[in-house]
Amino acid sequence: MASKAVVCVALFICMLLVTSSTAAKTAWPELVGKDAIYAREQILADNPKLEIHIVFYESCSVTADFDTNRVRIYTDCSNRVVRTPSIG
């Protein structure tokens, strides 16, 4: 009986590891400081179904809605990413 419990626990841990490693990304903190076009390509490589909006951080207003198919890339005047791009 104890061996069945060990096997069940081992399978559960394996399932957690596989699920967490294949989960879709929702944020890209590694892109802060990178060029916006490069960031766009990296995000689309992870999920080609996303709609990417590149926004100049200081002067553009955006809607407050949450869209699970959109990522906004906020840039400075030199086209560098200034905030972590994330779904929403």
C-alpha atoms as a PDB file:
ATOM      1  CA  MET A   1       0.000   0.000   0.000  1.00  0.00           C
ATOM      2  CA  ALA A   2       2.850   2.392   0.841  1.00  0.00           C
ATOM      3  CA  SER A   3       4.448   1.831  -2.571  1.00  0.00           C
ATOM      4  CA  LYS A   4       1.209   2.855  -4.322  1.00  0.00           C
ATOM      5  CA  ALA A   5       1.171   6.069  -2.282  1.00  0.00           C
ATOM      6  CA  VAL A   6       4.779   6.797  -3.256  1.00  0.00           C
ATOM      7  CA  VAL A   7       3.990   6.211  -6.924  1.00  0.00           C
ATOM      8  CA  CYS A   8       0.942   8.483  -6.711  1.00  0.00           C
ATOM      9  CA  VAL A   9       2.968  11.256  -5.079  1.00  0.00           C
ATOM     10  CA  ALA A  10       5.735  10.879  -7.671  1.00  0.00           C
ATOM     11  CA  LEU A  11       3.225  11.082 -10.537  1.00  0.00           C
ATOM     12  CA  PHE A  12       1.606  14.143  -8.998  1.00  0.00           C
ATOM     13  CA  ILE A  13       4.982  15.906  -8.691  1.00  0.00           C
ATOM     14  CA  CYS A  14       5.841  15.036 -12.293  1.00  0.00           C
ATOM     15  CA  MET A  15       2.493  16.401 -13.448  1.00  0.00           C
ATOM     16  CA  LEU A  16       3.128  19.668 -11.607  1.00  0.00           C
ATOM     17  CA  LEU A  17       6.573  20.041 -13.137  1.00  0.00           C
ATOM     18  CA  VAL A  18       5.309  19.415 -16.673  1.00  0.00           C
ATOM     19  CA  THR A  19       2.346  21.765 -16.239  1.00  0.00           C
ATOM     20  CA  SER A  20       4.399  24.607 -14.813  1.00  0.00           C
ATOM     21  CA  SER A  21       7.117  24.339 -17.464  1.00  0.00           C
ATOM     22  CA  THR A  22       4.653  24.378 -20.377  1.00  0.00           C
ATOM     23  CA  ALA A  23       2.322  27.080 -19.075  1.00  0.00           C
ATOM     24  CA  ALA A  24       1.893  30.022 -21.422  1.00  0.00           C
ATOM     25  CA  LYS A  25       3.796  33.153 -20.509  1.00  0.00           C
ATOM     26  CA  THR A  26       1.796  36.176 -19.397  1.00  0.00           C
ATOM     27  CA  ALA A  27       4.648  38.641 -18.817  1.00  0.00           C
ATOM     28  CA  TRP A  28       8.105  39.265 -20.273  1.00  0.00           C
ATOM     29  CA  PRO A  29      10.259  41.106 -17.688  1.00  0.00           C
ATOM     30  CA  GLU A  30      13.430  40.120 -19.538  1.00  0.00           C
ATOM     31  CA  LEU A  31      12.470  42.534 -22.355  1.00  0.00           C
ATOM     32  CA  VAL A  32      12.720  45.730 -20.282  1.00  0.00           C
ATOM     33  CA  GLY A  33      15.504  47.834 -21.808  1.00  0.00           C
ATOM     34  CA  LYS A  34      15.352  46.000 -25.147  1.00  0.00           C
ATOM     35  CA  ASP A  35      14.298  47.457 -28.486  1.00  0.00           C
ATOM     36  CA  ALA A  36      10.506  47.434 -28.951  1.00  0.00           C
ATOM     37  CA  ILE A  37      10.615  45.629 -32.294  1.00  0.00           C
ATOM     38  CA  TYR A  38      12.855  42.933 -30.804  1.00  0.00           C
ATOM     39  CA  ALA A  39      10.443  42.646 -27.849  1.00  0.00           C
ATOM     40  CA  ARG A  40       7.503  42.296 -30.240  1.00  0.00           C
ATOM     41  CA  GLU A  41       9.218  39.457 -32.094  1.00  0.00           C
ATOM     42  CA  GLN A  42      10.086  37.645 -28.853  1.00  0.00           C
ATOM     43  CA  ILE A  43       6.507  37.867 -27.561  1.00  0.00           C
ATOM     44  CA  LEU A  44       5.081  36.660 -30.870  1.00  0.00           C
ATOM     45  CA  ALA A  45       7.561  33.772 -30.868  1.00  0.00           C
ATOM     46  CA  ASP A  46       6.107  32.706 -27.510  1.00  0.00           C
ATOM     47  CA  ASN A  47       2.504  33.231 -28.591  1.00  0.00           C
ATOM     48  CA  PRO A  48       1.781  34.184 -32.218  1.00  0.00           C
ATOM     49  CA  LYS A  49      -1.928  34.694 -31.486  1.00  0.00           C
ATOM     50  CA  LEU A  50      -1.346  37.784 -29.347  1.00  0.00           C
ATOM     51  CA  GLU A  51      -2.054  41.281 -30.606  1.00  0.00           C
ATOM     52  CA  ILE A  52       0.895  43.570 -29.862  1.00  0.00           C
ATOM     53  CA  HIS A  53       0.490  47.318 -29.242  1.00  0.00           C
ATOM     54  CA  ILE A  54       3.624  49.456 -29.065  1.00  0.00           C
ATOM     55  CA  VAL A  55       2.850  52.538 -26.987  1.00  0.00           C
ATOM     56  CA  PHE A  56       5.012  55.620 -26.442  1.00  0.00           C
ATOM     57  CA  TYR A  57       4.946  55.744 -22.644  1.00  0.00           C
ATOM     58  CA  GLU A  58       4.785  59.503 -22.008  1.00  0.00           C
ATOM     59  CA  SER A  59       2.202  60.757 -24.455  1.00  0.00           C
ATOM     60  CA  CYS A  60      -0.282  58.041 -25.354  1.00  0.00           C
ATOM     61  CA  SER A  61      -3.430  57.281 -23.465  1.00  0.00           C
ATOM     62  CA  VAL A  62      -4.832  53.766 -23.617  1.00  0.00           C
ATOM     63  CA  THR A  63      -8.124  52.134 -22.741  1.00  0.00           C
ATOM     64  CA  ALA A  64      -8.493  50.645 -19.269  1.00  0.00           C
ATOM     65  CA  ASP A  65     -10.047  47.380 -20.451  1.00  0.00           C
ATOM     66  CA  PHE A  66      -8.365  44.004 -19.929  1.00  0.00           C
ATOM     67  CA  ASP A  67      -7.846  41.961 -23.089  1.00  0.00           C
ATOM     68  CA  THR A  68      -6.355  38.476 -22.789  1.00  0.00           C
ATOM     69  CA  ASN A  69      -5.278  38.622 -26.441  1.00  0.00           C
ATOM     70  CA  ARG A  70      -3.301  41.881 -26.146  1.00  0.00           C
ATOM     71  CA  VAL A  71       0.155  42.846 -24.942  1.00  0.00           C
ATOM     72  CA  ARG A  72       1.156  46.491 -24.695  1.00  0.00           C
ATOM     73  CA  ILE A  73       4.828  47.349 -25.068  1.00  0.00           C
ATOM     74  CA  TYR A  74       5.533  50.725 -23.453  1.00  0.00           C
ATOM     75  CA  THR A  75       8.580  52.511 -24.883  1.00  0.00           C
ATOM     76  CA  ASP A  76      10.627  55.633 -24.300  1.00  0.00           C
ATOM     77  CA  CYS A  77      11.717  58.119 -26.961  1.00  0.00           C
ATOM     78  CA  SER A  78      14.565  55.813 -28.045  1.00  0.00           C
ATOM     79  CA  ASN A  79      12.122  52.936 -28.637  1.00  0.00           C
ATOM     80  CA  ARG A  80      13.347  50.969 -25.587  1.00  0.00           C
ATOM     81  CA  VAL A  81      10.905  48.966 -23.464  1.00  0.00           C
ATOM     82  CA  VAL A  82      10.342  50.803 -20.145  1.00  0.00           C
ATOM     83  CA  ARG A  83       7.711  48.561 -18.458  1.00  0.00           C
ATOM     84  CA  THR A  84       7.319  44.815 -18.295  1.00  0.00           C
ATOM     85  CA  PRO A  85       5.155  43.776 -21.253  1.00  0.00           C
ATOM     86  CA  SER A  86       2.244  41.671 -20.033  1.00  0.00           C
ATOM     87  CA  ILE A  87      -1.062  40.322 -21.239  1.00  0.00           C
ATOM     88  CA  GLY A  88      -3.972  42.619 -20.602  1.00  0.00           C
END
